Amino acid sequence: MDNLSELAQKLINFERESDLNDNEVAFGSHLSVERIHDIKSSNSVATSEETELLQRFMQSK
């Protein structure tokens, strides 16, 4: 996981600890499943708005 962004690592750990899948995170954060996949795989960098939505969702759980 060394080549993943900090957000991607947090998201992966959050899903493991919370027993959630990408669909549930996408629904809760109001992002598409495709964007969740891209962010987790570090294929693209999350925008500041996406980062805020994901962090807000992770803090709400």
C-alpha atoms as a PDB file:
ATOM      1  CA  MET A   1       0.000   0.000   0.000  1.00  0.00           C
ATOM      2  CA  ASP A   2       3.015   2.268  -0.164  1.00  0.00           C
ATOM      3  CA  ASN A   3       2.066   3.660  -3.565  1.00  0.00           C
ATOM      4  CA  LEU A   4      -1.466   4.648  -2.498  1.00  0.00           C
ATOM      5  CA  SER A   5      -2.467   8.145  -1.484  1.00  0.00           C
ATOM      6  CA  GLU A   6      -3.145   8.887   2.161  1.00  0.00           C
ATOM      7  CA  LEU A   7      -6.864   9.216   1.414  1.00  0.00           C
ATOM      8  CA  ALA A   8      -6.905   5.863  -0.399  1.00  0.00           C
ATOM      9  CA  GLN A   9      -5.236   4.162   2.565  1.00  0.00           C
ATOM     10  CA  LYS A  10      -7.677   5.762   5.017  1.00  0.00           C
ATOM     11  CA  LEU A  11     -10.613   4.737   2.858  1.00  0.00           C
ATOM     12  CA  ILE A  12      -9.445   1.129   2.560  1.00  0.00           C
ATOM     13  CA  ASN A  13      -8.840   0.872   6.313  1.00  0.00           C
ATOM     14  CA  PHE A  14     -12.188   2.527   7.051  1.00  0.00           C
ATOM     15  CA  GLU A  15     -14.028   0.014   4.857  1.00  0.00           C
ATOM     16  CA  ARG A  16     -12.279  -2.901   6.587  1.00  0.00           C
ATOM     17  CA  GLU A  17     -12.915  -1.591  10.109  1.00  0.00           C
ATOM     18  CA  SER A  18     -16.529  -0.629   9.391  1.00  0.00           C
ATOM     19  CA  ASP A  19     -17.291  -3.748   7.330  1.00  0.00           C
ATOM     20  CA  LEU A  20     -18.496  -1.611   4.404  1.00  0.00           C
ATOM     21  CA  ASN A  21     -18.080  -2.090   0.682  1.00  0.00           C
ATOM     22  CA  ASP A  22     -17.524   0.435  -2.096  1.00  0.00           C
ATOM     23  CA  ASN A  23     -21.244   0.632  -2.879  1.00  0.00           C
ATOM     24  CA  GLU A  24     -22.099   1.572   0.695  1.00  0.00           C
ATOM     25  CA  VAL A  25     -19.336   4.180   0.832  1.00  0.00           C
ATOM     26  CA  ALA A  26     -20.445   5.601  -2.514  1.00  0.00           C
ATOM     27  CA  PHE A  27     -24.051   5.870  -1.342  1.00  0.00           C
ATOM     28  CA  GLY A  28     -23.099   7.429   1.979  1.00  0.00           C
ATOM     29  CA  SER A  29     -20.632   9.915   0.529  1.00  0.00           C
ATOM     30  CA  HIS A  30     -22.738  10.792  -2.553  1.00  0.00           C
ATOM     31  CA  LEU A  31     -19.930   9.814  -4.912  1.00  0.00           C
ATOM     32  CA  SER A  32     -20.138   7.220  -7.667  1.00  0.00           C
ATOM     33  CA  VAL A  33     -18.788   3.733  -7.158  1.00  0.00           C
ATOM     34  CA  GLU A  34     -16.446   4.379 -10.084  1.00  0.00           C
ATOM     35  CA  ARG A  35     -14.950   7.422  -8.303  1.00  0.00           C
ATOM     36  CA  ILE A  36     -14.472   5.384  -5.123  1.00  0.00           C
ATOM     37  CA  HIS A  37     -12.634   2.739  -7.157  1.00  0.00           C
ATOM     38  CA  ASP A  38     -10.461   5.366  -8.877  1.00  0.00           C
ATOM     39  CA  ILE A  39      -9.554   7.036  -5.591  1.00  0.00           C
ATOM     40  CA  LYS A  40      -8.812   3.749  -3.810  1.00  0.00           C
ATOM     41  CA  SER A  41      -6.613   2.500  -6.643  1.00  0.00           C
ATOM     42  CA  SER A  42      -4.907   5.907  -6.962  1.00  0.00           C
ATOM     43  CA  ASN A  43      -5.820   5.999 -10.661  1.00  0.00           C
ATOM     44  CA  SER A  44      -6.879   9.579 -10.064  1.00  0.00           C
ATOM     45  CA  VAL A  45      -6.582  12.119  -7.287  1.00  0.00           C
ATOM     46  CA  ALA A  46      -9.679  13.104  -5.342  1.00  0.00           C
ATOM     47  CA  THR A  47     -10.778  16.699  -5.649  1.00  0.00           C
ATOM     48  CA  SER A  48     -10.970  18.769  -2.496  1.00  0.00           C
ATOM     49  CA  GLU A  49     -14.764  18.440  -2.594  1.00  0.00           C
ATOM     50  CA  GLU A  50     -14.562  14.643  -2.920  1.00  0.00           C
ATOM     51  CA  THR A  51     -12.035  14.481  -0.101  1.00  0.00           C
ATOM     52  CA  GLU A  52     -14.332  16.533   2.117  1.00  0.00           C
ATOM     53  CA  LEU A  53     -17.346  14.327   1.299  1.00  0.00           C
ATOM     54  CA  LEU A  54     -15.399  11.157   2.070  1.00  0.00           C
ATOM     55  CA  GLN A  55     -13.926  12.514   5.294  1.00  0.00           C
ATOM     56  CA  ARG A  56     -17.333  13.733   6.442  1.00  0.00           C
ATOM     57  CA  PHE A  57     -18.826  10.310   5.727  1.00  0.00           C
ATOM     58  CA  MET A  58     -16.015   8.456   7.513  1.00  0.00           C
ATOM     59  CA  GLN A  59     -16.370  10.699  10.569  1.00  0.00           C
ATOM     60  CA  SER A  60     -20.125  10.102  10.702  1.00  0.00           C
ATOM     61  CA  LYS A  61     -19.678   6.354  11.229  1.00  0.00           C
END
